Amino acid sequence: MPVAIVTDTTHYAPPEFVAEQGIHEVSLYVNEGGNAIRESEIVDYEQFYDGDGSFSTALGLTSQPVTLFVRPDGTIMKQTGEIDLAEIRSSVAELLVAPRATGVTG
């Protein structure tokens, strides 16, 4: 069964990795005061989304970015902060190999 990796445009993966892996990007839009803004055009995400820090505080988040690797069944395989290309490659490989190794199919 073919597998596709899709991410929104706010990921932190290096462009060469995105191209190398054939990762599909979906541009997100944010509606703020009746204006639709492409998320990829927002310069300061932290200020835009959580200007006073109340959201991060309420969730107990102490840093950004938060990176999640989610298994095909929707469970979180790994949660971390900022990651480098080697960790991205390793985690994606683990996600793509794990279903085959365990006999899980989609």
Protein backbone atom coordinates (compact mmCIF):
# COMPACT_ATOMS: atom_id res chain seq x y z
CA MET A 1 0.00 0.00 0.00
CA PRO A 2 1.49 3.39 -0.96
CA VAL A 3 2.22 5.84 1.84
CA ALA A 4 2.20 9.61 1.48
CA ILE A 5 3.59 12.08 3.98
CA VAL A 6 1.61 15.31 4.21
CA THR A 7 2.38 18.29 6.41
CA ASP A 8 1.11 21.80 6.78
CA THR A 9 3.29 24.70 5.72
CA THR A 10 4.40 25.47 9.29
CA HIS A 11 6.70 22.43 9.60
CA TYR A 12 10.35 22.88 10.43
CA ALA A 13 11.76 20.31 8.04
CA PRO A 14 14.59 21.52 5.81
CA PRO A 15 13.45 22.17 2.20
CA GLU A 16 15.92 19.63 0.80
CA PHE A 17 14.44 16.89 3.02
CA VAL A 18 10.89 17.80 1.95
CA ALA A 19 11.89 17.56 -1.71
CA GLU A 20 13.99 14.41 -1.23
CA GLN A 21 11.15 12.56 0.53
CA GLY A 22 8.37 13.81 -1.76
CA ILE A 23 6.52 15.30 1.22
CA HIS A 24 3.33 17.10 0.27
CA GLU A 25 2.67 20.50 1.84
CA VAL A 26 -0.78 21.92 2.51
CA SER A 27 -1.05 25.65 3.03
CA LEU A 28 -3.16 26.61 6.01
CA TYR A 29 -5.14 29.82 6.40
CA VAL A 30 -5.92 31.61 9.63
CA ASN A 31 -8.95 33.86 9.98
CA GLU A 32 -8.20 36.83 12.19
CA GLY A 33 -10.77 39.57 12.44
CA GLY A 34 -12.42 38.51 9.20
CA ASN A 35 -9.14 38.44 7.26
CA ALA A 36 -7.79 35.17 5.87
CA ILE A 37 -4.02 35.03 6.25
CA ARG A 38 -1.80 32.28 4.80
CA GLU A 39 -0.05 30.71 7.72
CA SER A 40 3.17 30.45 5.69
CA GLU A 41 3.24 34.26 5.47
CA ILE A 42 3.07 34.88 9.23
CA VAL A 43 6.46 36.11 10.41
CA ASP A 44 6.15 35.62 14.19
CA TYR A 45 3.95 32.59 14.97
CA GLU A 46 4.30 32.77 18.72
CA GLN A 47 3.17 36.40 18.85
CA PHE A 48 0.39 35.80 16.31
CA TYR A 49 -1.13 32.77 18.02
CA ASP A 50 -0.44 33.41 21.67
CA GLY A 51 0.36 37.08 22.11
CA ASP A 52 0.09 37.10 25.90
CA GLY A 53 1.29 33.53 26.48
CA SER A 54 -1.95 32.42 28.15
CA PHE A 55 -2.56 29.46 25.81
CA SER A 56 0.93 28.02 26.29
CA THR A 57 0.66 28.51 30.04
CA ALA A 58 -2.75 26.80 30.21
CA LEU A 59 -1.37 23.73 28.39
CA GLY A 60 1.88 23.67 30.32
CA LEU A 61 3.96 24.20 27.17
CA THR A 62 7.35 25.69 27.87
CA SER A 63 8.80 25.84 24.38
CA GLN A 64 8.03 25.74 20.70
CA PRO A 65 8.10 24.12 18.28
CA VAL A 66 6.42 20.89 19.30
CA THR A 67 6.97 18.05 16.85
CA LEU A 68 4.70 15.01 16.78
CA PHE A 69 5.17 11.78 14.85
CA VAL A 70 1.79 10.08 14.57
CA ARG A 71 1.30 6.42 13.67
CA PRO A 72 -1.26 5.44 11.00
CA ASP A 73 -3.69 4.43 13.78
CA GLY A 74 -3.58 7.98 15.19
CA THR A 75 -1.45 7.27 18.26
CA ILE A 76 1.55 9.44 18.97
CA MET A 77 4.79 7.57 18.38
CA LYS A 78 7.04 10.41 19.50
CA GLN A 79 6.72 13.96 20.80
CA THR A 80 9.70 16.28 20.86
CA GLY A 81 10.70 19.87 20.30
CA GLU A 82 12.89 21.19 17.50
CA ILE A 83 14.63 18.40 15.63
CA ASP A 84 17.37 18.06 13.08
CA LEU A 85 17.39 16.33 9.71
CA ALA A 86 18.89 13.11 11.08
CA GLU A 87 16.13 12.77 13.67
CA ILE A 88 13.46 13.51 11.06
CA ARG A 89 14.86 10.79 8.80
CA SER A 90 15.10 8.29 11.63
CA SER A 91 11.56 8.94 12.88
CA VAL A 92 10.02 8.86 9.40
CA ALA A 93 11.83 5.58 8.68
CA GLU A 94 10.51 4.14 11.94
CA LEU A 95 6.97 5.21 11.05
CA LEU A 96 7.18 3.68 7.58
CA VAL A 97 8.79 0.40 8.69
CA ALA A 98 6.82 -0.23 11.91
CA PRO A 99 3.47 -1.17 10.28
CA ARG A 100 5.18 -3.75 8.05
CA ALA A 101 7.21 -5.22 10.89
CA THR A 102 4.21 -5.64 13.18
CA GLY A 103 1.85 -6.87 10.47
CA VAL A 104 -0.41 -3.82 10.85
CA THR A 105 -2.06 -2.88 7.57
CA GLY A 106 -4.11 0.13 6.55
